[in-house]
PDB file of N, CA and C in Angstrom:
ATOM      1  N   MET A   1      15.137 -85.696 -19.314  1.00  0.00           N
ATOM      2  CA  MET A   1      13.960 -84.870 -18.232  1.00  0.00           C
ATOM      3  C   MET A   1      12.589 -86.737 -19.065  1.00  0.00           C
ATOM      4  N   ARG A   2      12.178 -86.399 -17.382  1.00  0.00           N
ATOM      5  CA  ARG A   2      11.293 -87.545 -17.378  1.00  0.00           C
ATOM      6  C   ARG A   2       9.703 -86.526 -17.408  1.00  0.00           C
ATOM      7  N   VAL A   3       8.758 -86.288 -18.105  1.00  0.00           N
ATOM      8  CA  VAL A   3       7.892 -85.601 -18.339  1.00  0.00           C
ATOM      9  C   VAL A   3       7.260 -86.061 -16.808  1.00  0.00           C
ATOM     10  N   LYS A   4       5.864 -85.200 -15.911  1.00  0.00           N
ATOM     11  CA  LYS A   4       5.072 -85.380 -15.225  1.00  0.00           C
ATOM     12  C   LYS A   4       3.383 -84.583 -16.116  1.00  0.00           C
ATOM     13  N   ASN A   5       2.117 -85.420 -15.991  1.00  0.00           N
ATOM     14  CA  ASN A   5       1.737 -84.898 -16.303  1.00  0.00           C
ATOM     15  C   ASN A   5       0.822 -84.241 -15.165  1.00  0.00           C
ATOM     16  N   ILE A   6       0.512 -83.196 -15.155  1.00  0.00           N
ATOM     17  CA  ILE A   6      -0.676 -82.285 -14.541  1.00  0.00           C
ATOM     18  C   ILE A   6      -1.176 -81.411 -15.396  1.00  0.00           C
ATOM     19  N   PRO A   7      -3.018 -81.140 -14.446  1.00  0.00           N
ATOM     20  CA  PRO A   7      -3.690 -80.643 -15.921  1.00  0.00           C
ATOM     21  C   PRO A   7      -3.122 -79.294 -15.632  1.00  0.00           C
ATOM     22  N   SER A   8      -2.811 -78.766 -16.662  1.00  0.00           N
ATOM     23  CA  SER A   8      -2.331 -77.354 -16.834  1.00  0.00           C
ATOM     24  C   SER A   8      -2.669 -76.675 -18.166  1.00  0.00           C
ATOM     25  N   ASN A   9      -2.161 -75.214 -18.139  1.00  0.00           N
ATOM     26  CA  ASN A   9      -3.241 -74.662 -19.879  1.00  0.00           C
ATOM     27  C   ASN A   9      -2.110 -74.007 -19.400  1.00  0.00           C
ATOM     28  N   ILE A  10      -2.115 -73.664 -20.883  1.00  0.00           N
ATOM     29  CA  ILE A  10      -1.179 -72.073 -21.570  1.00  0.00           C
ATOM     30  C   ILE A  10      -2.612 -71.687 -22.043  1.00  0.00           C
ATOM     31  N   GLU A  11      -2.719 -69.982 -21.533  1.00  0.00           N
ATOM     32  CA  GLU A  11      -3.395 -69.410 -21.645  1.00  0.00           C
ATOM     33  C   GLU A  11      -2.629 -68.194 -22.460  1.00  0.00           C
ATOM     34  N   ASN A  12      -3.415 -67.361 -23.584  1.00  0.00           N
ATOM     35  CA  ASN A  12      -3.773 -66.526 -24.269  1.00  0.00           C
ATOM     36  C   ASN A  12      -3.096 -65.788 -23.698  1.00  0.00           C
ATOM     37  N   ASN A  13      -3.597 -65.578 -22.330  1.00  0.00           N
ATOM     38  CA  ASN A  13      -2.850 -64.065 -21.944  1.00  0.00           C
ATOM     39  C   ASN A  13      -1.021 -63.787 -21.696  1.00  0.00           C
ATOM     40  N   GLU A  14      -0.527 -64.923 -21.729  1.00  0.00           N
ATOM     41  CA  GLU A  14       0.852 -64.872 -21.851  1.00  0.00           C
ATOM     42  C   GLU A  14       1.074 -66.351 -19.962  1.00  0.00           C
ATOM     43  N   GLU A  15       0.153 -66.955 -19.425  1.00  0.00           N
ATOM     44  CA  GLU A  15       0.664 -67.569 -18.056  1.00  0.00           C
ATOM     45  C   GLU A  15       0.072 -68.977 -18.483  1.00  0.00           C
ATOM     46  N   VAL A  16       0.638 -70.095 -17.392  1.00  0.00           N
ATOM     47  CA  VAL A  16       0.538 -70.838 -17.515  1.00  0.00           C
ATOM     48  C   VAL A  16      -0.131 -70.909 -15.919  1.00  0.00           C
ATOM     49  N   ARG A  17      -0.968 -72.051 -16.049  1.00  0.00           N
ATOM     50  CA  ARG A  17      -2.009 -71.781 -14.772  1.00  0.00           C
ATOM     51  C   ARG A  17      -1.952 -74.036 -15.323  1.00  0.00           C
ATOM     52  N   HIS A  18      -2.810 -74.400 -13.152  1.00  0.00           N
ATOM     53  CA  HIS A  18      -2.607 -75.356 -13.272  1.00  0.00           C
ATOM     54  C   HIS A  18      -3.903 -75.474 -12.141  1.00  0.00           C
ATOM     55  N   TRP A  19      -5.139 -76.495 -13.410  1.00  0.00           N
ATOM     56  CA  TRP A  19      -5.974 -76.651 -11.931  1.00  0.00           C
ATOM     57  C   TRP A  19      -5.793 -78.105 -11.432  1.00  0.00           C
ATOM     58  N   LYS A  20      -6.676 -78.052 -10.588  1.00  0.00           N
ATOM     59  CA  LYS A  20      -7.212 -78.306  -9.776  1.00  0.00           C
ATOM     60  C   LYS A  20      -8.852 -79.184 -10.332  1.00  0.00           C
ATOM     61  N   GLN A  21      -9.784 -80.596  -9.505  1.00  0.00           N
ATOM     62  CA  GLN A  21     -10.518 -81.420  -9.562  1.00  0.00           C
ATOM     63  C   GLN A  21     -11.441 -79.687  -8.621  1.00  0.00           C
ATOM     64  N   GLY A  22     -12.322 -79.155  -9.367  1.00  0.00           N
ATOM     65  CA  GLY A  22     -12.800 -78.768  -8.940  1.00  0.00           C
ATOM     66  C   GLY A  22     -12.595 -77.126  -9.519  1.00  0.00           C
ATOM     67  N   ASP A  23     -12.285 -76.807  -9.131  1.00  0.00           N
ATOM     68  CA  ASP A  23     -11.272 -75.614  -9.328  1.00  0.00           C
ATOM     69  C   ASP A  23     -12.044 -74.727 -10.549  1.00  0.00           C
ATOM     70  N   ASN A  24     -12.292 -73.080 -10.175  1.00  0.00           N
ATOM     71  CA  ASN A  24     -12.797 -73.072 -11.052  1.00  0.00           C
ATOM     72  C   ASN A  24     -11.613 -71.639 -12.203  1.00  0.00           C
ATOM     73  N   LYS A  25     -10.537 -71.244 -11.345  1.00  0.00           N
ATOM     74  CA  LYS A  25     -10.016 -69.944 -11.381  1.00  0.00           C
ATOM     75  C   LYS A  25      -8.082 -70.681 -11.398  1.00  0.00           C
ATOM     76  N   GLY A  26      -8.383 -71.709 -11.302  1.00  0.00           N
ATOM     77  CA  GLY A  26      -6.789 -72.327 -11.618  1.00  0.00           C
ATOM     78  C   GLY A  26      -5.680 -71.496 -10.511  1.00  0.00           C
ATOM     79  N   GLU A  27      -4.733 -72.028 -10.642  1.00  0.00           N
ATOM     80  CA  GLU A  27      -2.951 -71.082  -9.311  1.00  0.00           C
ATOM     81  C   GLU A  27      -2.217 -71.265 -10.980  1.00  0.00           C
ATOM     82  N   LEU A  28      -1.622 -70.275 -10.943  1.00  0.00           N
ATOM     83  CA  LEU A  28      -0.920 -69.243 -12.174  1.00  0.00           C
ATOM     84  C   LEU A  28       0.848 -70.427 -10.758  1.00  0.00           C
ATOM     85  N   VAL A  29       0.946 -70.604 -12.752  1.00  0.00           N
ATOM     86  CA  VAL A  29       2.387 -71.219 -11.827  1.00  0.00           C
ATOM     87  C   VAL A  29       3.577 -71.077 -13.127  1.00  0.00           C
ATOM     88  N   VAL A  30       3.534 -70.103 -14.096  1.00  0.00           N
ATOM     89  CA  VAL A  30       4.539 -69.452 -14.570  1.00  0.00           C
ATOM     90  C   VAL A  30       3.028 -67.874 -15.059  1.00  0.00           C
ATOM     91  N   GLY A  31       4.609 -66.919 -15.298  1.00  0.00           N
ATOM     92  CA  GLY A  31       3.622 -65.679 -15.912  1.00  0.00           C
ATOM     93  C   GLY A  31       2.766 -65.269 -15.421  1.00  0.00           C
ATOM     94  N   GLY A  32       2.113 -64.179 -16.082  1.00  0.00           N
ATOM     95  CA  GLY A  32       0.753 -63.541 -15.685  1.00  0.00           C
ATOM     96  C   GLY A  32       1.127 -61.438 -15.214  1.00  0.00           C
ATOM     97  N   ASN A  33       2.183 -61.683 -16.513  1.00  0.00           N
ATOM     98  CA  ASN A  33       3.145 -60.512 -16.084  1.00  0.00           C
ATOM     99  C   ASN A  33       3.091 -60.094 -17.284  1.00  0.00           C
ATOM    100  N   GLY A  34       1.881 -60.187 -17.410  1.00  0.00           N
ATOM    101  CA  GLY A  34       1.716 -59.784 -18.951  1.00  0.00           C
ATOM    102  C   GLY A  34       2.626 -60.435 -20.382  1.00  0.00           C
ATOM    103  N   LYS A  35       2.591 -60.390 -21.939  1.00  0.00           N
ATOM    104  CA  LYS A  35       3.558 -60.657 -22.317  1.00  0.00           C
ATOM    105  C   LYS A  35       5.415 -59.423 -22.667  1.00  0.00           C
ATOM    106  N   GLY A  36       5.797 -60.604 -23.125  1.00  0.00           N
ATOM    107  CA  GLY A  36       6.935 -59.453 -22.568  1.00  0.00           C
ATOM    108  C   GLY A  36       8.436 -60.164 -23.491  1.00  0.00           C
ATOM    109  N   ASN A  37       9.498 -59.930 -22.582  1.00  0.00           N
ATOM    110  CA  ASN A  37      10.609 -60.846 -22.917  1.00  0.00           C
ATOM    111  C   ASN A  37      11.488 -60.831 -21.247  1.00  0.00           C
ATOM    112  N   GLN A  38      11.036 -60.305 -20.073  1.00  0.00           N
ATOM    113  CA  GLN A  38      11.623 -60.515 -18.773  1.00  0.00           C
ATOM    114  C   GLN A  38      11.501 -61.667 -18.956  1.00  0.00           C
ATOM    115  N   SER A  39      12.603 -62.064 -16.970  1.00  0.00           N
ATOM    116  CA  SER A  39      11.980 -63.539 -16.779  1.00  0.00           C
ATOM    117  C   SER A  39      11.037 -64.149 -16.516  1.00  0.00           C
ATOM    118  N   ASN A  40      10.084 -62.666 -16.018  1.00  0.00           N
ATOM    119  CA  ASN A  40       9.265 -63.127 -14.923  1.00  0.00           C
ATOM    120  C   ASN A  40       7.446 -63.440 -16.347  1.00  0.00           C
ATOM    121  N   GLN A  41       7.930 -63.073 -17.329  1.00  0.00           N
ATOM    122  CA  GLN A  41       6.991 -62.699 -18.919  1.00  0.00           C
ATOM    123  C   GLN A  41       7.191 -64.195 -19.703  1.00  0.00           C
ATOM    124  N   LEU A  42       5.868 -63.947 -20.962  1.00  0.00           N
ATOM    125  CA  LEU A  42       5.949 -65.371 -21.799  1.00  0.00           C
ATOM    126  C   LEU A  42       5.471 -64.619 -22.896  1.00  0.00           C
ATOM    127  N   THR A  43       6.201 -64.839 -24.047  1.00  0.00           N
ATOM    128  CA  THR A  43       4.669 -64.196 -25.294  1.00  0.00           C
ATOM    129  C   THR A  43       4.916 -65.763 -26.003  1.00  0.00           C
ATOM    130  N   CYS A  44       3.834 -65.973 -26.091  1.00  0.00           N
ATOM    131  CA  CYS A  44       2.916 -67.108 -27.069  1.00  0.00           C
ATOM    132  C   CYS A  44       3.847 -68.312 -26.139  1.00  0.00           C
ATOM    133  N   PRO A  45       3.363 -68.948 -24.766  1.00  0.00           N
ATOM    134  CA  PRO A  45       3.483 -69.721 -24.056  1.00  0.00           C
ATOM    135  C   PRO A  45       3.359 -71.761 -25.432  1.00  0.00           C
ATOM    136  N   ALA A  46       4.201 -72.576 -25.187  1.00  0.00           N
ATOM    137  CA  ALA A  46       3.981 -73.388 -26.336  1.00  0.00           C
ATOM    138  C   ALA A  46       3.633 -75.006 -25.297  1.00  0.00           C
ATOM    139  N   SER A  47       3.999 -75.268 -24.691  1.00  0.00           N
ATOM    140  CA  SER A  47       4.648 -76.569 -23.621  1.00  0.00           C
ATOM    141  C   SER A  47       4.772 -76.367 -22.206  1.00  0.00           C
ATOM    142  N   LEU A  48       4.768 -77.031 -21.268  1.00  0.00           N
ATOM    143  CA  LEU A  48       5.324 -76.918 -19.931  1.00  0.00           C
ATOM    144  C   LEU A  48       5.582 -78.318 -19.663  1.00  0.00           C
ATOM    145  N   SER A  49       6.702 -78.737 -19.597  1.00  0.00           N
ATOM    146  CA  SER A  49       7.664 -80.151 -18.290  1.00  0.00           C
ATOM    147  C   SER A  49       8.040 -80.263 -17.083  1.00  0.00           C
ATOM    148  N   PHE A  50       8.163 -81.286 -16.708  1.00  0.00           N
ATOM    149  CA  PHE A  50       8.657 -81.421 -15.256  1.00  0.00           C
ATOM    150  C   PHE A  50      10.496 -82.150 -15.657  1.00  0.00           C
ATOM    151  N   ASP A  51      11.097 -82.114 -15.014  1.00  0.00           N
ATOM    152  CA  ASP A  51      11.924 -82.637 -14.686  1.00  0.00           C
ATOM    153  C   ASP A  51      12.408 -83.665 -13.070  1.00  0.00           C
ATOM    154  N   ASN A  52      13.387 -84.444 -12.884  1.00  0.00           N
ATOM    155  CA  ASN A  52      13.352 -85.259 -12.031  1.00  0.00           C
ATOM    156  C   ASN A  52      13.024 -84.762 -10.134  1.00  0.00           C
ATOM    157  N   GLU A  53      13.799 -82.924 -10.084  1.00  0.00           N
ATOM    158  CA  GLU A  53      13.473 -82.319  -9.302  1.00  0.00           C
ATOM    159  C   GLU A  53      12.042 -81.866  -9.360  1.00  0.00           C
ATOM    160  N   GLU A  54      11.989 -81.418 -10.214  1.00  0.00           N
ATOM    161  CA  GLU A  54      10.089 -80.871 -10.124  1.00  0.00           C
ATOM    162  C   GLU A  54      10.049 -79.604 -10.738  1.00  0.00           C
ATOM    163  N   ASN A  55      11.562 -79.248 -11.281  1.00  0.00           N
ATOM    164  CA  ASN A  55      11.781 -77.956 -11.606  1.00  0.00           C
ATOM    165  C   ASN A  55      10.758 -77.864 -13.431  1.00  0.00           C
ATOM    166  N   ARG A  56       9.944 -76.774 -13.544  1.00  0.00           N
ATOM    167  CA  ARG A  56       8.943 -76.231 -14.772  1.00  0.00           C
ATOM    168  C   ARG A  56       9.872 -76.186 -15.433  1.00  0.00           C
ATOM    169  N   TYR A  57       9.680 -75.919 -17.150  1.00  0.00           N
ATOM    170  CA  TYR A  57       9.985 -75.052 -17.946  1.00  0.00           C
ATOM    171  C   TYR A  57       9.518 -75.425 -19.351  1.00  0.00           C
ATOM    172  N   VAL A  58       9.327 -74.212 -20.078  1.00  0.00           N
ATOM    173  CA  VAL A  58       8.286 -74.047 -20.633  1.00  0.00           C
ATOM    174  C   VAL A  58       8.382 -73.038 -20.980  1.00  0.00           C
ATOM    175  N   VAL A  59       8.364 -74.098 -22.592  1.00  0.00           N
ATOM    176  CA  VAL A  59       8.712 -73.352 -24.345  1.00  0.00           C
ATOM    177  C   VAL A  59       7.836 -71.600 -24.648  1.00  0.00           C
ATOM    178  N   ASP A  60       8.874 -70.455 -24.095  1.00  0.00           N
ATOM    179  CA  ASP A  60       8.120 -69.778 -25.186  1.00  0.00           C
ATOM    180  C   ASP A  60       8.396 -69.114 -26.610  1.00  0.00           C
ATOM    181  N   ASN A  61       7.840 -69.350 -27.231  1.00  0.00           N
ATOM    182  CA  ASN A  61       7.417 -69.331 -29.004  1.00  0.00           C
ATOM    183  C   ASN A  61       8.264 -68.068 -29.347  1.00  0.00           C
ATOM    184  N   GLY A  62       7.419 -67.400 -28.786  1.00  0.00           N
ATOM    185  CA  GLY A  62       7.400 -65.502 -29.173  1.00  0.00           C
ATOM    186  C   GLY A  62       9.623 -65.075 -28.779  1.00  0.00           C
ATOM    187  N   ASN A  63       9.718 -65.776 -27.531  1.00  0.00           N
ATOM    188  CA  ASN A  63      11.311 -65.015 -27.273  1.00  0.00           C
ATOM    189  C   ASN A  63      12.122 -66.117 -28.161  1.00  0.00           C
ATOM    190  N   ASP A  64      12.369 -67.630 -28.710  1.00  0.00           N
ATOM    191  CA  ASP A  64      12.774 -68.299 -28.700  1.00  0.00           C
ATOM    192  C   ASP A  64      13.175 -68.754 -27.452  1.00  0.00           C
ATOM    193  N   ARG A  65      12.357 -69.282 -26.498  1.00  0.00           N
ATOM    194  CA  ARG A  65      13.668 -69.574 -25.576  1.00  0.00           C
ATOM    195  C   ARG A  65      12.807 -70.830 -24.574  1.00  0.00           C
ATOM    196  N   ILE A  66      13.842 -71.858 -23.769  1.00  0.00           N
ATOM    197  CA  ILE A  66      13.149 -72.377 -22.886  1.00  0.00           C
ATOM    198  C   ILE A  66      13.022 -71.780 -21.448  1.00  0.00           C
ATOM    199  N   GLN A  67      12.460 -71.741 -20.284  1.00  0.00           N
ATOM    200  CA  GLN A  67      12.434 -71.198 -19.294  1.00  0.00           C
ATOM    201  C   GLN A  67      12.801 -71.770 -18.572  1.00  0.00           C
ATOM    202  N   LYS A  68      13.014 -72.127 -17.003  1.00  0.00           N
ATOM    203  CA  LYS A  68      13.758 -72.729 -16.484  1.00  0.00           C
ATOM    204  C   LYS A  68      12.689 -72.469 -15.044  1.00  0.00           C
ATOM    205  N   TYR A  69      12.643 -72.675 -14.520  1.00  0.00           N
ATOM    206  CA  TYR A  69      11.678 -71.831 -13.011  1.00  0.00           C
ATOM    207  C   TYR A  69      11.237 -73.121 -12.002  1.00  0.00           C
ATOM    208  N   GLU A  70      12.641 -72.818 -10.851  1.00  0.00           N
ATOM    209  CA  GLU A  70      12.447 -73.784  -9.816  1.00  0.00           C
ATOM    210  C   GLU A  70      11.016 -74.038  -9.544  1.00  0.00           C
ATOM    211  N   LYS A  71      10.704 -75.827  -8.416  1.00  0.00           N
ATOM    212  CA  LYS A  71       9.866 -76.189  -8.471  1.00  0.00           C
ATOM    213  C   LYS A  71       9.471 -75.507  -7.666  1.00  0.00           C
ATOM    214  N   PHE A  72       7.526 -76.089  -7.393  1.00  0.00           N
ATOM    215  CA  PHE A  72       7.118 -75.653  -7.011  1.00  0.00           C
ATOM    216  C   PHE A  72       6.824 -75.243  -5.294  1.00  0.00           C
ATOM    217  N   SER A  73       7.024 -74.394  -4.625  1.00  0.00           N
ATOM    218  CA  SER A  73       6.950 -73.762  -3.138  1.00  0.00           C
ATOM    219  C   SER A  73       5.661 -74.246  -2.604  1.00  0.00           C
ATOM    220  N   ASN A  74       5.617 -74.751  -1.315  1.00  0.00           N
ATOM    221  CA  ASN A  74       4.590 -75.544  -0.297  1.00  0.00           C
ATOM    222  C   ASN A  74       4.694 -74.231   0.486  1.00  0.00           C
TER     223      ASN A  74
END
């Protein structure tokens, strides 16, 4: 897996945001649906990686899993 570096932030409120220069809010990438174990929720996300097809992988420590999310839609 090749990891791409993008400005991102693993938030305390169980979400990952992408930040562009000058952004003050950031774009929600993953999560944002509160703490939990459903596919649209995270608990203690720890890191973010991308593969060659631009799919996202988030280490979800609180749920002992790695979540895969399809690439960004334009």
